[in-house]
Amino acid sequence: MAGQCTHVATIKKGVKPKTKGCEGCLKMGDTWLHLRMCLECGHVGCCDSSKNRHARAHFHETKHPLIQSAERGEDWRWCYVDDVYL
C-alpha cells in the first residue's frame, strides 16, 4: 500500500509565492535548478538537485511539511515528513 500524507490540513488556501525565484539564492546572488513553494507560507526555495537545497532547509527550519513544484508545466506536491507525493 502506498504511503499517505497526514499533513494535508496544513495547506493554506490561496498561498502565493513570495518571490519569483529562490529566496535564499536571490539573497546570496546564487543560481538554482528548480523551484519549490511551501504550501503553508509561500516560501520559494530551490530543489534538492540545486546545490543550496533551500526548499528542504526551509522545511527543517520551520517544520512546514508540504511543497509543490513552482515550475511551469509541473503539477505535483510532496510531503517531506511522510515522504510521499500528494
Protein backbone atom coordinates (compact mmCIF):
# COMPACT_ATOMS: atom_id res chain seq x y z
CA MET A 1 0.00 0.00 0.00
CA ALA A 2 1.32 3.43 -0.93
CA GLY A 3 2.05 5.89 1.87
CA GLN A 4 -0.40 8.60 2.73
CA CYS A 5 0.19 12.14 3.85
CA THR A 6 -1.09 13.07 7.28
CA HIS A 7 -0.35 16.79 6.82
CA VAL A 8 -2.85 17.88 4.17
CA ALA A 9 -4.64 20.05 6.74
CA THR A 10 -1.55 22.32 6.90
CA ILE A 11 -2.12 23.54 3.33
CA LYS A 12 -3.24 27.17 3.42
CA LYS A 13 -5.80 28.24 0.82
CA GLY A 14 -4.68 30.97 -1.53
CA VAL A 15 -0.97 30.69 -0.73
CA LYS A 16 1.04 32.62 -3.31
CA PRO A 17 4.78 32.51 -3.94
CA LYS A 18 6.63 35.22 -2.01
CA THR A 19 9.26 35.66 -4.74
CA LYS A 20 9.78 34.83 -8.42
CA GLY A 21 12.93 32.85 -7.59
CA CYS A 22 14.58 31.02 -4.74
CA GLU A 23 14.57 33.40 -1.77
CA GLY A 24 17.87 32.10 -0.39
CA CYS A 25 19.69 32.06 -3.71
CA LEU A 26 18.46 35.55 -4.57
CA LYS A 27 19.87 36.85 -1.26
CA MET A 28 23.19 35.08 -1.93
CA GLY A 29 23.38 36.05 -5.59
CA ASP A 30 23.44 32.36 -6.50
CA THR A 31 21.57 30.19 -9.01
CA TRP A 32 19.17 27.25 -8.76
CA LEU A 33 17.84 24.41 -10.91
CA HIS A 34 14.16 24.07 -9.99
CA LEU A 35 11.82 25.89 -7.63
CA ARG A 36 9.51 24.59 -4.91
CA MET A 37 6.89 26.55 -2.97
CA CYS A 38 5.86 25.90 0.63
CA LEU A 39 2.11 25.26 0.80
CA GLU A 40 1.89 26.72 4.28
CA CYS A 41 3.58 30.11 3.88
CA GLY A 42 4.53 30.62 0.21
CA HIS A 43 8.30 30.46 0.73
CA VAL A 44 10.05 29.71 -2.57
CA GLY A 45 13.18 27.59 -2.35
CA CYS A 46 15.41 25.62 -4.68
CA CYS A 47 15.07 21.86 -5.10
CA ASP A 48 17.24 19.06 -3.73
CA SER A 49 19.10 18.90 -7.06
CA SER A 50 20.22 22.51 -6.55
CA LYS A 51 23.44 22.93 -4.59
CA ASN A 52 21.84 25.01 -1.81
CA ARG A 53 18.67 22.94 -1.28
CA HIS A 54 16.80 25.91 0.18
CA ALA A 55 13.33 24.30 0.00
CA ARG A 56 14.48 21.42 2.23
CA ALA A 57 16.31 23.86 4.52
CA HIS A 58 13.04 25.79 4.90
CA PHE A 59 11.31 22.56 5.94
CA HIS A 60 13.99 21.82 8.55
CA GLU A 61 13.82 25.37 9.92
CA THR A 62 10.02 25.74 10.02
CA LYS A 63 8.68 22.16 10.02
CA HIS A 64 6.30 23.17 7.18
CA PRO A 65 5.94 19.71 5.58
CA LEU A 66 4.33 20.32 2.18
CA ILE A 67 5.72 21.79 -1.02
CA GLN A 68 4.62 21.96 -4.60
CA SER A 69 6.61 22.43 -7.74
CA ALA A 70 6.84 26.06 -8.81
CA GLU A 71 7.95 25.05 -12.30
CA ARG A 72 5.81 25.77 -15.35
CA GLY A 73 4.15 22.59 -16.64
CA GLU A 74 4.64 20.64 -13.40
CA ASP A 75 1.70 19.83 -11.16
CA TRP A 76 2.75 17.85 -8.11
CA ARG A 77 3.01 18.18 -4.35
CA TRP A 78 5.33 16.46 -1.86
CA CYS A 79 5.32 15.82 1.88
CA TYR A 80 8.79 15.84 3.47
CA VAL A 81 7.57 14.14 6.66
CA ASP A 82 5.62 11.26 5.12
CA ASP A 83 7.95 11.03 2.09
CA VAL A 84 5.07 10.82 -0.40
CA TYR A 85 3.57 12.67 -3.36
CA LEU A 86 0.07 14.04 -2.85
